[in-house]
C-alpha atoms as a PDB file:
ATOM      1  CA  UNK A   1     106.174 150.905 105.888  1.00  0.00           C
ATOM      2  CA  UNK A   2     109.485 150.177 104.373  1.00  0.00           C
ATOM      3  CA  UNK A   3     110.575 151.999 100.890  1.00  0.00           C
ATOM      4  CA  UNK A   4     111.070 148.721  99.123  1.00  0.00           C
ATOM      5  CA  UNK A   5     107.789 149.459  97.023  1.00  0.00           C
ATOM      6  CA  UNK A   6     107.806 153.430  97.293  1.00  0.00           C
ATOM      7  CA  UNK A   7     108.632 154.318  93.966  1.00  0.00           C
ATOM      8  CA  UNK A   8     107.408 157.401  91.939  1.00  0.00           C
ATOM      9  CA  UNK A   9     103.746 158.502  92.942  1.00  0.00           C
ATOM     10  CA  UNK A  10     101.635 160.352  90.078  1.00  0.00           C
ATOM     11  CA  UNK A  11      99.185 162.658  90.962  1.00  0.00           C
ATOM     12  CA  UNK A  12      95.786 161.600  90.053  1.00  0.00           C
ATOM     13  CA  UNK A  13      93.134 163.788  89.722  1.00  0.00           C
ATOM     14  CA  UNK A  14      92.026 167.967  89.986  1.00  0.00           C
ATOM     15  CA  UNK A  15      89.999 168.693  92.875  1.00  0.00           C
ATOM     16  CA  UNK A  16      86.196 168.648  91.945  1.00  0.00           C
ATOM     17  CA  UNK A  17      83.403 171.106  92.999  1.00  0.00           C
ATOM     18  CA  UNK A  18      81.951 169.943  96.581  1.00  0.00           C
ATOM     19  CA  UNK A  19      78.764 168.392  96.100  1.00  0.00           C
ATOM     20  CA  UNK A  20      76.640 167.061  98.906  1.00  0.00           C
ATOM     21  CA  UNK A  21      73.123 167.645  97.522  1.00  0.00           C
ATOM     22  CA  UNK A  22      72.275 163.647  97.791  1.00  0.00           C
ATOM     23  CA  UNK A  23      73.675 163.409 101.113  1.00  0.00           C
ATOM     24  CA  UNK A  24      71.362 163.267 104.270  1.00  0.00           C
ATOM     25  CA  UNK A  25      72.431 165.368 107.203  1.00  0.00           C
ATOM     26  CA  UNK A  26      74.160 162.563 109.046  1.00  0.00           C
ATOM     27  CA  UNK A  27      75.992 161.398 106.148  1.00  0.00           C
ATOM     28  CA  UNK A  28      79.862 162.817 104.993  1.00  0.00           C
ATOM     29  CA  UNK A  29      80.780 163.087 101.421  1.00  0.00           C
ATOM     30  CA  UNK A  30      83.822 160.829 100.925  1.00  0.00           C
ATOM     31  CA  UNK A  31      86.546 160.686  98.421  1.00  0.00           C
ATOM     32  CA  UNK A  32      86.260 157.019  97.105  1.00  0.00           C
ATOM     33  CA  UNK A  33      88.809 155.530  94.696  1.00  0.00           C
ATOM     34  CA  UNK A  34      87.423 152.665  92.490  1.00  0.00           C
ATOM     35  CA  UNK A  35      90.271 150.679  90.732  1.00  0.00           C
ATOM     36  CA  UNK A  36      88.786 149.174  87.802  1.00  0.00           C
ATOM     37  CA  UNK A  37      86.154 151.568  87.815  1.00  0.00           C
ATOM     38  CA  UNK A  38      85.392 151.299  83.886  1.00  0.00           C
ATOM     39  CA  UNK A  39      84.612 147.456  83.965  1.00  0.00           C
ATOM     40  CA  UNK A  40      81.412 145.612  84.420  1.00  0.00           C
ATOM     41  CA  UNK A  41      81.136 145.725  88.218  1.00  0.00           C
ATOM     42  CA  UNK A  42      83.080 148.884  88.779  1.00  0.00           C
ATOM     43  CA  UNK A  43      81.158 151.047  86.538  1.00  0.00           C
ATOM     44  CA  UNK A  44      78.074 149.974  88.387  1.00  0.00           C
ATOM     45  CA  UNK A  45      79.710 150.708  91.639  1.00  0.00           C
ATOM     46  CA  UNK A  46      80.830 153.985  90.541  1.00  0.00           C
ATOM     47  CA  UNK A  47      77.306 154.935  89.622  1.00  0.00           C
ATOM     48  CA  UNK A  48      75.937 153.907  92.955  1.00  0.00           C
ATOM     49  CA  UNK A  49      78.450 155.783  94.596  1.00  0.00           C
ATOM     50  CA  UNK A  50      77.791 159.072  92.772  1.00  0.00           C
ATOM     51  CA  UNK A  51      74.249 158.712  93.228  1.00  0.00           C
ATOM     52  CA  UNK A  52      74.957 158.739  97.072  1.00  0.00           C
ATOM     53  CA  UNK A  53      76.646 161.828  96.979  1.00  0.00           C
ATOM     54  CA  UNK A  54      80.025 160.853  97.138  1.00  0.00           C
ATOM     55  CA  UNK A  55      83.294 162.045  94.744  1.00  0.00           C
ATOM     56  CA  UNK A  56      84.250 159.011  92.803  1.00  0.00           C
ATOM     57  CA  UNK A  57      87.657 158.546  91.407  1.00  0.00           C
ATOM     58  CA  UNK A  58      87.815 155.932  88.797  1.00  0.00           C
ATOM     59  CA  UNK A  59      91.270 154.304  88.121  1.00  0.00           C
ATOM     60  CA  UNK A  60      91.512 152.133  85.026  1.00  0.00           C
ATOM     61  CA  UNK A  61      94.155 151.182  82.498  1.00  0.00           C
ATOM     62  CA  UNK A  62      90.971 150.117  80.079  1.00  0.00           C
ATOM     63  CA  UNK A  63      92.601 146.961  79.137  1.00  0.00           C
ATOM     64  CA  UNK A  64      89.232 145.238  79.501  1.00  0.00           C
ATOM     65  CA  UNK A  65      87.070 148.137  81.279  1.00  0.00           C
ATOM     66  CA  UNK A  66      85.358 150.335  78.620  1.00  0.00           C
ATOM     67  CA  UNK A  67      85.183 154.073  78.224  1.00  0.00           C
ATOM     68  CA  UNK A  68      81.553 153.754  77.270  1.00  0.00           C
ATOM     69  CA  UNK A  69      80.768 152.200  80.755  1.00  0.00           C
ATOM     70  CA  UNK A  70      81.392 155.535  82.277  1.00  0.00           C
ATOM     71  CA  UNK A  71      80.812 157.841  79.755  1.00  0.00           C
ATOM     72  CA  UNK A  72      77.382 158.693  81.078  1.00  0.00           C
ATOM     73  CA  UNK A  73      79.116 159.495  84.694  1.00  0.00           C
ATOM     74  CA  UNK A  74      80.933 162.513  83.442  1.00  0.00           C
ATOM     75  CA  UNK A  75      77.971 164.738  84.035  1.00  0.00           C
ATOM     76  CA  UNK A  76      78.620 164.237  87.700  1.00  0.00           C
ATOM     77  CA  UNK A  77      80.920 167.031  88.469  1.00  0.00           C
ATOM     78  CA  UNK A  78      82.193 164.632  91.417  1.00  0.00           C
ATOM     79  CA  UNK A  79      83.499 162.187  89.138  1.00  0.00           C
ATOM     80  CA  UNK A  80      86.808 161.548  87.395  1.00  0.00           C
ATOM     81  CA  UNK A  81      88.834 159.346  85.596  1.00  0.00           C
ATOM     82  CA  UNK A  82      92.534 158.153  85.937  1.00  0.00           C
ATOM     83  CA  UNK A  83      94.040 156.022  83.056  1.00  0.00           C
ATOM     84  CA  UNK A  84      96.612 153.960  85.118  1.00  0.00           C
ATOM     85  CA  UNK A  85      97.500 150.419  85.573  1.00  0.00           C
ATOM     86  CA  UNK A  86      97.303 149.719  89.384  1.00  0.00           C
ATOM     87  CA  UNK A  87     100.628 147.815  89.259  1.00  0.00           C
ATOM     88  CA  UNK A  88     102.206 151.375  89.174  1.00  0.00           C
ATOM     89  CA  UNK A  89     101.650 153.256  92.612  1.00  0.00           C
ATOM     90  CA  UNK A  90      99.151 155.992  92.641  1.00  0.00           C
ATOM     91  CA  UNK A  91      98.952 159.233  94.644  1.00  0.00           C
ATOM     92  CA  UNK A  92      95.731 160.800  95.434  1.00  0.00           C
ATOM     93  CA  UNK A  93      93.842 162.023  98.534  1.00  0.00           C
ATOM     94  CA  UNK A  94      91.127 159.402  99.574  1.00  0.00           C
ATOM     95  CA  UNK A  95      89.080 158.235 102.046  1.00  0.00           C
ATOM     96  CA  UNK A  96      87.799 154.786 100.843  1.00  0.00           C
ATOM     97  CA  UNK A  97      89.223 152.411  98.138  1.00  0.00           C
ATOM     98  CA  UNK A  98      87.446 149.565  96.412  1.00  0.00           C
ATOM     99  CA  UNK A  99      89.882 147.308  94.344  1.00  0.00           C
ATOM    100  CA  UNK A 100      88.091 145.589  91.743  1.00  0.00           C
ATOM    101  CA  UNK A 101      90.988 146.043  89.286  1.00  0.00           C
ATOM    102  CA  UNK A 102      91.914 142.672  87.373  1.00  0.00           C
ATOM    103  CA  UNK A 103      90.623 141.041  84.356  1.00  0.00           C
ATOM    104  CA  UNK A 104      87.739 138.386  86.000  1.00  0.00           C
ATOM    105  CA  UNK A 105      87.180 136.095  82.521  1.00  0.00           C
ATOM    106  CA  UNK A 106      89.454 133.439  81.753  1.00  0.00           C
ATOM    107  CA  UNK A 107      89.936 134.390  78.014  1.00  0.00           C
ATOM    108  CA  UNK A 108      90.987 137.776  79.218  1.00  0.00           C
ATOM    109  CA  UNK A 109      92.918 136.901  82.522  1.00  0.00           C
ATOM    110  CA  UNK A 110      94.743 133.955  80.564  1.00  0.00           C
ATOM    111  CA  UNK A 111      95.871 136.135  77.803  1.00  0.00           C
ATOM    112  CA  UNK A 112      98.603 137.638  80.037  1.00  0.00           C
ATOM    113  CA  UNK A 113      98.761 135.378  83.348  1.00  0.00           C
ATOM    114  CA  UNK A 114     102.014 137.241  84.361  1.00  0.00           C
ATOM    115  CA  UNK A 115     100.307 140.451  84.348  1.00  0.00           C
ATOM    116  CA  UNK A 116      97.127 139.264  85.790  1.00  0.00           C
ATOM    117  CA  UNK A 117      98.961 137.672  88.828  1.00  0.00           C
ATOM    118  CA  UNK A 118     100.931 141.198  89.111  1.00  0.00           C
ATOM    119  CA  UNK A 119      97.662 143.136  89.245  1.00  0.00           C
ATOM    120  CA  UNK A 120      96.423 140.927  92.119  1.00  0.00           C
ATOM    121  CA  UNK A 121      99.341 141.017  94.101  1.00  0.00           C
ATOM    122  CA  UNK A 122     101.579 144.213  93.292  1.00  0.00           C
ATOM    123  CA  UNK A 123      98.338 146.163  92.319  1.00  0.00           C
ATOM    124  CA  UNK A 124      96.879 145.174  96.013  1.00  0.00           C
ATOM    125  CA  UNK A 125     100.304 146.142  97.479  1.00  0.00           C
ATOM    126  CA  UNK A 126      99.984 149.522  96.173  1.00  0.00           C
ATOM    127  CA  UNK A 127      96.520 150.252  97.266  1.00  0.00           C
ATOM    128  CA  UNK A 128      96.945 149.130 100.439  1.00  0.00           C
ATOM    129  CA  UNK A 129     100.138 151.440 100.839  1.00  0.00           C
ATOM    130  CA  UNK A 130      97.862 154.045  99.654  1.00  0.00           C
ATOM    131  CA  UNK A 131      95.338 152.976 102.377  1.00  0.00           C
ATOM    132  CA  UNK A 132      97.355 153.198 105.022  1.00  0.00           C
ATOM    133  CA  UNK A 133      99.118 156.647 104.228  1.00  0.00           C
ATOM    134  CA  UNK A 134      95.473 158.139 104.190  1.00  0.00           C
ATOM    135  CA  UNK A 135      94.171 155.823 106.942  1.00  0.00           C
ATOM    136  CA  UNK A 136      91.522 154.648 104.452  1.00  0.00           C
ATOM    137  CA  UNK A 137      89.241 151.859 104.407  1.00  0.00           C
ATOM    138  CA  UNK A 138      89.846 149.259 101.620  1.00  0.00           C
ATOM    139  CA  UNK A 139      87.675 146.924 100.026  1.00  0.00           C
ATOM    140  CA  UNK A 140      89.087 143.749  98.215  1.00  0.00           C
ATOM    141  CA  UNK A 141      87.022 142.149  95.592  1.00  0.00           C
ATOM    142  CA  UNK A 142      88.035 138.590  95.606  1.00  0.00           C
ATOM    143  CA  UNK A 143      86.295 135.628  94.132  1.00  0.00           C
ATOM    144  CA  UNK A 144      84.870 131.989  94.323  1.00  0.00           C
ATOM    145  CA  UNK A 145      87.506 131.059  92.111  1.00  0.00           C
ATOM    146  CA  UNK A 146      89.695 130.804  95.429  1.00  0.00           C
ATOM    147  CA  UNK A 147      87.841 127.702  96.177  1.00  0.00           C
ATOM    148  CA  UNK A 148      89.090 125.817  92.956  1.00  0.00           C
ATOM    149  CA  UNK A 149      87.049 122.933  92.068  1.00  0.00           C
ATOM    150  CA  UNK A 150      85.596 122.413  95.521  1.00  0.00           C
ATOM    151  CA  UNK A 151      85.265 119.175  97.331  1.00  0.00           C
ATOM    152  CA  UNK A 152      82.591 120.820  99.727  1.00  0.00           C
ATOM    153  CA  UNK A 153      79.236 122.030  98.519  1.00  0.00           C
ATOM    154  CA  UNK A 154      78.018 124.667  99.008  1.00  0.00           C
ATOM    155  CA  UNK A 155      80.912 126.691  99.695  1.00  0.00           C
ATOM    156  CA  UNK A 156      81.512 128.125 103.095  1.00  0.00           C
ATOM    157  CA  UNK A 157      84.135 131.061 104.142  1.00  0.00           C
ATOM    158  CA  UNK A 158      86.067 128.512 106.298  1.00  0.00           C
ATOM    159  CA  UNK A 159      86.655 125.874 103.438  1.00  0.00           C
ATOM    160  CA  UNK A 160      90.462 126.175 102.100  1.00  0.00           C
ATOM    161  CA  UNK A 161      89.653 125.251  98.654  1.00  0.00           C
ATOM    162  CA  UNK A 162      91.010 122.926  95.922  1.00  0.00           C
ATOM    163  CA  UNK A 163      93.122 124.936  93.602  1.00  0.00           C
ATOM    164  CA  UNK A 164      95.662 123.803  91.186  1.00  0.00           C
ATOM    165  CA  UNK A 165      98.612 126.220  91.549  1.00  0.00           C
ATOM    166  CA  UNK A 166      99.959 125.935  88.178  1.00  0.00           C
ATOM    167  CA  UNK A 167      96.902 125.239  85.872  1.00  0.00           C
ATOM    168  CA  UNK A 168      95.620 127.459  83.255  1.00  0.00           C
ATOM    169  CA  UNK A 169      93.444 129.254  85.761  1.00  0.00           C
ATOM    170  CA  UNK A 170      95.926 129.635  88.459  1.00  0.00           C
ATOM    171  CA  UNK A 171      97.248 133.234  87.303  1.00  0.00           C
ATOM    172  CA  UNK A 172      93.885 134.394  88.630  1.00  0.00           C
ATOM    173  CA  UNK A 173      92.931 131.925  91.346  1.00  0.00           C
ATOM    174  CA  UNK A 174      96.164 132.026  93.132  1.00  0.00           C
ATOM    175  CA  UNK A 175      96.646 136.030  92.654  1.00  0.00           C
ATOM    176  CA  UNK A 176      93.300 136.449  94.574  1.00  0.00           C
ATOM    177  CA  UNK A 177      94.473 134.036  97.206  1.00  0.00           C
ATOM    178  CA  UNK A 178      97.581 136.014  97.679  1.00  0.00           C
ATOM    179  CA  UNK A 179      95.651 139.381  97.714  1.00  0.00           C
ATOM    180  CA  UNK A 180      93.545 138.037 100.741  1.00  0.00           C
ATOM    181  CA  UNK A 181      96.797 137.335 102.613  1.00  0.00           C
ATOM    182  CA  UNK A 182      98.233 140.557 101.843  1.00  0.00           C
ATOM    183  CA  UNK A 183      95.179 142.469 103.146  1.00  0.00           C
ATOM    184  CA  UNK A 184      95.138 140.238 106.458  1.00  0.00           C
ATOM    185  CA  UNK A 185      98.773 140.821 106.816  1.00  0.00           C
ATOM    186  CA  UNK A 186      98.133 144.565 106.635  1.00  0.00           C
ATOM    187  CA  UNK A 187      95.464 144.624 109.082  1.00  0.00           C
ATOM    188  CA  UNK A 188      97.554 142.747 111.284  1.00  0.00           C
ATOM    189  CA  UNK A 189     100.590 144.936 111.176  1.00  0.00           C
ATOM    190  CA  UNK A 190      99.283 148.246 110.523  1.00  0.00           C
ATOM    191  CA  UNK A 191      95.636 148.132 111.734  1.00  0.00           C
ATOM    192  CA  UNK A 192      94.312 148.888 108.334  1.00  0.00           C
ATOM    193  CA  UNK A 193      90.407 148.334 107.964  1.00  0.00           C
ATOM    194  CA  UNK A 194      90.042 146.062 105.473  1.00  0.00           C
ATOM    195  CA  UNK A 195      86.746 144.271 103.623  1.00  0.00           C
ATOM    196  CA  UNK A 196      86.907 141.137 101.630  1.00  0.00           C
ATOM    197  CA  UNK A 197      84.185 140.048  99.218  1.00  0.00           C
ATOM    198  CA  UNK A 198      84.382 136.396  97.497  1.00  0.00           C
ATOM    199  CA  UNK A 199      82.322 137.238  94.618  1.00  0.00           C
ATOM    200  CA  UNK A 200      80.421 134.431  92.779  1.00  0.00           C
ATOM    201  CA  UNK A 201      79.201 134.449  89.157  1.00  0.00           C
ATOM    202  CA  UNK A 202      77.382 137.915  88.493  1.00  0.00           C
ATOM    203  CA  UNK A 203      75.921 139.069  85.165  1.00  0.00           C
ATOM    204  CA  UNK A 204      73.948 142.077  84.064  1.00  0.00           C
ATOM    205  CA  UNK A 205      74.083 144.849  81.636  1.00  0.00           C
ATOM    206  CA  UNK A 206      77.508 146.350  80.806  1.00  0.00           C
ATOM    207  CA  UNK A 207      79.173 142.635  80.399  1.00  0.00           C
ATOM    208  CA  UNK A 208      81.475 142.876  77.300  1.00  0.00           C
ATOM    209  CA  UNK A 209      80.184 140.733  74.107  1.00  0.00           C
ATOM    210  CA  UNK A 210      83.688 138.927  73.897  1.00  0.00           C
ATOM    211  CA  UNK A 211      83.658 138.313  77.994  1.00  0.00           C
ATOM    212  CA  UNK A 212      83.823 134.861  77.654  1.00  0.00           C
ATOM    213  CA  UNK A 213      81.833 133.910  81.008  1.00  0.00           C
ATOM    214  CA  UNK A 214      78.757 131.731  80.182  1.00  0.00           C
ATOM    215  CA  UNK A 215      75.953 134.472  80.625  1.00  0.00           C
ATOM    216  CA  UNK A 216      77.397 136.566  78.015  1.00  0.00           C
ATOM    217  CA  UNK A 217      78.336 133.791  75.793  1.00  0.00           C
ATOM    218  CA  UNK A 218      75.165 132.284  75.733  1.00  0.00           C
ATOM    219  CA  UNK A 219      73.085 135.649  75.112  1.00  0.00           C
ATOM    220  CA  UNK A 220      75.235 136.881  72.262  1.00  0.00           C
ATOM    221  CA  UNK A 221      75.296 133.368  70.719  1.00  0.00           C
ATOM    222  CA  UNK A 222      71.508 133.204  70.824  1.00  0.00           C
ATOM    223  CA  UNK A 223      70.997 136.668  69.630  1.00  0.00           C
ATOM    224  CA  UNK A 224      73.294 135.855  66.696  1.00  0.00           C
ATOM    225  CA  UNK A 225      71.497 132.784  65.991  1.00  0.00           C
ATOM    226  CA  UNK A 226      74.792 130.851  66.398  1.00  0.00           C
ATOM    227  CA  UNK A 227      75.517 127.741  68.038  1.00  0.00           C
ATOM    228  CA  UNK A 228      75.348 127.875  71.825  1.00  0.00           C
ATOM    229  CA  UNK A 229      78.689 126.315  73.100  1.00  0.00           C
ATOM    230  CA  UNK A 230      78.351 124.082  76.252  1.00  0.00           C
ATOM    231  CA  UNK A 231      81.722 122.765  77.680  1.00  0.00           C
ATOM    232  CA  UNK A 232      81.374 119.417  78.909  1.00  0.00           C
ATOM    233  CA  UNK A 233      77.883 117.872  79.250  1.00  0.00           C
ATOM    234  CA  UNK A 234      76.019 120.565  80.867  1.00  0.00           C
ATOM    235  CA  UNK A 235      75.708 119.267  84.070  1.00  0.00           C
ATOM    236  CA  UNK A 236      78.183 121.540  85.973  1.00  0.00           C
ATOM    237  CA  UNK A 237      76.531 124.184  88.137  1.00  0.00           C
ATOM    238  CA  UNK A 238      76.694 127.797  88.743  1.00  0.00           C
ATOM    239  CA  UNK A 239      74.853 130.152  90.855  1.00  0.00           C
ATOM    240  CA  UNK A 240      74.162 133.519  88.938  1.00  0.00           C
ATOM    241  CA  UNK A 241      73.628 136.834  90.791  1.00  0.00           C
ATOM    242  CA  UNK A 242      72.335 139.945  89.182  1.00  0.00           C
ATOM    243  CA  UNK A 243      74.588 143.014  89.420  1.00  0.00           C
ATOM    244  CA  UNK A 244      72.433 145.213  91.335  1.00  0.00           C
ATOM    245  CA  UNK A 245      72.165 142.858  94.105  1.00  0.00           C
ATOM    246  CA  UNK A 246      75.861 142.296  94.082  1.00  0.00           C
ATOM    247  CA  UNK A 247      76.728 146.061  94.401  1.00  0.00           C
ATOM    248  CA  UNK A 248      74.207 146.464  97.282  1.00  0.00           C
ATOM    249  CA  UNK A 249      76.238 143.693  98.883  1.00  0.00           C
ATOM    250  CA  UNK A 250      79.710 145.633  98.273  1.00  0.00           C
ATOM    251  CA  UNK A 251      78.131 148.876 100.007  1.00  0.00           C
ATOM    252  CA  UNK A 252      76.829 146.935 103.014  1.00  0.00           C
ATOM    253  CA  UNK A 253      80.048 145.321 103.374  1.00  0.00           C
ATOM    254  CA  UNK A 254      82.083 148.557 102.984  1.00  0.00           C
ATOM    255  CA  UNK A 255      80.004 149.941 105.634  1.00  0.00           C
ATOM    256  CA  UNK A 256      79.709 147.328 108.264  1.00  0.00           C
ATOM    257  CA  UNK A 257      81.490 147.444 111.546  1.00  0.00           C
ATOM    258  CA  UNK A 258      85.277 147.569 111.688  1.00  0.00           C
ATOM    259  CA  UNK A 259      85.038 144.506 113.567  1.00  0.00           C
ATOM    260  CA  UNK A 260      84.031 142.513 110.439  1.00  0.00           C
ATOM    261  CA  UNK A 261      86.621 142.253 107.657  1.00  0.00           C
ATOM    262  CA  UNK A 262      85.460 139.068 105.906  1.00  0.00           C
ATOM    263  CA  UNK A 263      86.079 137.099 103.977  1.00  0.00           C
ATOM    264  CA  UNK A 264      82.337 136.927 103.040  1.00  0.00           C
ATOM    265  CA  UNK A 265      80.521 135.202 100.215  1.00  0.00           C
ATOM    266  CA  UNK A 266      78.453 137.531  97.888  1.00  0.00           C
ATOM    267  CA  UNK A 267      76.330 135.526  95.432  1.00  0.00           C
ATOM    268  CA  UNK A 268      73.243 133.849  94.589  1.00  0.00           C
ATOM    269  CA  UNK A 269      72.499 130.506  96.173  1.00  0.00           C
ATOM    270  CA  UNK A 270      69.987 129.520  93.560  1.00  0.00           C
ATOM    271  CA  UNK A 271      72.045 126.824  91.408  1.00  0.00           C
ATOM    272  CA  UNK A 272      71.410 125.907  88.083  1.00  0.00           C
ATOM    273  CA  UNK A 273      73.060 123.649  85.829  1.00  0.00           C
ATOM    274  CA  UNK A 274      74.799 124.914  82.420  1.00  0.00           C
ATOM    275  CA  UNK A 275      72.414 123.135  80.408  1.00  0.00           C
ATOM    276  CA  UNK A 276      69.374 124.723  82.083  1.00  0.00           C
ATOM    277  CA  UNK A 277      70.963 128.406  81.602  1.00  0.00           C
ATOM    278  CA  UNK A 278      71.092 127.391  77.648  1.00  0.00           C
ATOM    279  CA  UNK A 279      67.970 126.214  77.281  1.00  0.00           C
ATOM    280  CA  UNK A 280      66.252 129.265  79.226  1.00  0.00           C
ATOM    281  CA  UNK A 281      68.310 131.807  77.254  1.00  0.00           C
ATOM    282  CA  UNK A 282      67.292 130.211  74.004  1.00  0.00           C
ATOM    283  CA  UNK A 283      63.634 130.372  75.029  1.00  0.00           C
ATOM    284  CA  UNK A 284      63.898 133.848  76.392  1.00  0.00           C
ATOM    285  CA  UNK A 285      65.303 135.286  73.211  1.00  0.00           C
ATOM    286  CA  UNK A 286      63.213 133.259  70.746  1.00  0.00           C
ATOM    287  CA  UNK A 287      66.481 131.886  69.297  1.00  0.00           C
ATOM    288  CA  UNK A 288      66.770 129.116  66.612  1.00  0.00           C
ATOM    289  CA  UNK A 289      70.255 128.327  68.096  1.00  0.00           C
ATOM    290  CA  UNK A 290      71.318 124.705  68.442  1.00  0.00           C
ATOM    291  CA  UNK A 291      73.359 123.289  71.608  1.00  0.00           C
ATOM    292  CA  UNK A 292      76.808 121.937  70.897  1.00  0.00           C
ATOM    293  CA  UNK A 293      79.057 120.219  73.152  1.00  0.00           C
ATOM    294  CA  UNK A 294      82.978 120.956  73.666  1.00  0.00           C
ATOM    295  CA  UNK A 295      85.380 119.246  75.980  1.00  0.00           C
ATOM    296  CA  UNK A 296      85.339 120.794  79.488  1.00  0.00           C
ATOM    297  CA  UNK A 297      88.502 123.021  79.980  1.00  0.00           C
ATOM    298  CA  UNK A 298      91.069 122.167  82.425  1.00  0.00           C
ATOM    299  CA  UNK A 299      90.309 122.793  86.241  1.00  0.00           C
ATOM    300  CA  UNK A 300      86.655 123.975  85.444  1.00  0.00           C
ATOM    301  CA  UNK A 301      84.847 123.880  88.594  1.00  0.00           C
ATOM    302  CA  UNK A 302      81.967 121.107  88.551  1.00  0.00           C
ATOM    303  CA  UNK A 303      79.847 122.695  91.159  1.00  0.00           C
ATOM    304  CA  UNK A 304      79.684 126.177  92.450  1.00  0.00           C
ATOM    305  CA  UNK A 305      77.065 127.590  94.965  1.00  0.00           C
ATOM    306  CA  UNK A 306      77.760 130.075  98.026  1.00  0.00           C
ATOM    307  CA  UNK A 307      76.783 129.764 101.328  1.00  0.00           C
ATOM    308  CA  UNK A 308      75.590 133.067 102.298  1.00  0.00           C
ATOM    309  CA  UNK A 309      74.779 132.472 105.880  1.00  0.00           C
ATOM    310  CA  UNK A 310      77.424 134.864 106.873  1.00  0.00           C
ATOM    311  CA  UNK A 311      76.139 137.730 104.649  1.00  0.00           C
ATOM    312  CA  UNK A 312      72.847 137.477 105.901  1.00  0.00           C
ATOM    313  CA  UNK A 313      73.788 137.428 109.632  1.00  0.00           C
ATOM    314  CA  UNK A 314      76.414 140.306 109.394  1.00  0.00           C
ATOM    315  CA  UNK A 315      75.160 142.330 106.602  1.00  0.00           C
ATOM    316  CA  UNK A 316      71.346 141.513 106.427  1.00  0.00           C
ATOM    317  CA  UNK A 317      71.976 140.938 102.889  1.00  0.00           C
ATOM    318  CA  UNK A 318      70.483 138.404 100.427  1.00  0.00           C
ATOM    319  CA  UNK A 319      69.978 138.687  96.569  1.00  0.00           C
ATOM    320  CA  UNK A 320      66.469 139.723  95.505  1.00  0.00           C
ATOM    321  CA  UNK A 321      66.409 139.572  91.656  1.00  0.00           C
ATOM    322  CA  UNK A 322      65.397 136.358  90.370  1.00  0.00           C
ATOM    323  CA  UNK A 323      67.383 134.438  87.410  1.00  0.00           C
ATOM    324  CA  UNK A 324      64.386 135.311  84.903  1.00  0.00           C
ATOM    325  CA  UNK A 325      64.122 138.812  85.653  1.00  0.00           C
ATOM    326  CA  UNK A 326      68.044 139.629  85.248  1.00  0.00           C
ATOM    327  CA  UNK A 327      68.453 137.640  82.219  1.00  0.00           C
ATOM    328  CA  UNK A 328      65.482 139.461  80.671  1.00  0.00           C
ATOM    329  CA  UNK A 329      67.455 142.786  81.740  1.00  0.00           C
ATOM    330  CA  UNK A 330      70.758 141.578  80.422  1.00  0.00           C
ATOM    331  CA  UNK A 331      69.446 140.158  76.847  1.00  0.00           C
ATOM    332  CA  UNK A 332      67.715 143.804  76.435  1.00  0.00           C
ATOM    333  CA  UNK A 333      71.037 145.287  76.904  1.00  0.00           C
ATOM    334  CA  UNK A 334      72.960 143.121  74.373  1.00  0.00           C
ATOM    335  CA  UNK A 335      70.344 143.027  72.060  1.00  0.00           C
ATOM    336  CA  UNK A 336      70.649 146.964  71.852  1.00  0.00           C
ATOM    337  CA  UNK A 337      74.468 146.815  71.990  1.00  0.00           C
ATOM    338  CA  UNK A 338      74.401 144.386  69.105  1.00  0.00           C
ATOM    339  CA  UNK A 339      72.174 146.339  67.020  1.00  0.00           C
ATOM    340  CA  UNK A 340      73.866 149.595  67.556  1.00  0.00           C
ATOM    341  CA  UNK A 341      77.451 147.927  66.760  1.00  0.00           C
ATOM    342  CA  UNK A 342      75.686 146.466  63.365  1.00  0.00           C
ATOM    343  CA  UNK A 343      74.605 149.894  62.703  1.00  0.00           C
ATOM    344  CA  UNK A 344      78.275 151.297  63.066  1.00  0.00           C
ATOM    345  CA  UNK A 345      79.671 148.602  60.503  1.00  0.00           C
ATOM    346  CA  UNK A 346      76.882 149.473  58.501  1.00  0.00           C
ATOM    347  CA  UNK A 347      78.284 153.231  58.390  1.00  0.00           C
ATOM    348  CA  UNK A 348      81.985 152.441  58.096  1.00  0.00           C
ATOM    349  CA  UNK A 349      81.042 149.958  55.089  1.00  0.00           C
END
């Protein structure tokens, strides 16, 4: 590698006590860096890796990730956090890297589109260089957004997509597409072991109430008795994957044969209209909320459903949690979170 991007490295963590009590005899404890580890998906991944007996380094700048998401993990002596933005190089001894660091909801990634792009591009470059330095396997959390507003349905990995390169969503869409290119170029030039997952709509506990994505929006509005906002006529479709299923896909992809790099679609092929989702949330929460319609945002995809044939064949993976069960758990999480927030506001008042 050249020295163009080799600026100051910063030390990351102190060594943690060795703890292999959860590992089987044929497993080895790994030092695993999870970039974006305090986020919705990242925190679930950190928890899964810790319970498997690995040492986990959570790197997050806490711009959208939340400290409460990982607070319960501090009881593990094999867990540590580093408050850092991955657009700055990081130095740490690692065996594997999961790159989940990037705002994923439109309100968050559109708040600073330039930084969103830099997180995907420069952040990926920094982590790839770290992977080369330590001969580490590296995972990239890509997205179904790279398909844009697709012309084929369902979406297969060979589809090149239909993306607006300068629209309001392009900082995220194009940033993730560029990151995929970087990953494959590092694989070709340095032999880096890469794994790329294209994630479809995911939901579950630890989503933020202000996340801006449809599941969290509908649940929070319903629990508060507010109007449920549907953008467009509600006929556009999405496929919703529960977080536990997705994390299982992450683990299987990372542990797959070196010859399989992806990209591979990870999502639930069950397809629902946005109108159907709103009606189901109202019914499950017992809410008196009414549905109101607003104009559809620019470049909002009208159809989104993964073809997961590749994941089934290469990873023996498919989602198991039905929408009704996943929504029940997610509603319970938000109900408790909103109740706790209300109590805290009363104390302050």
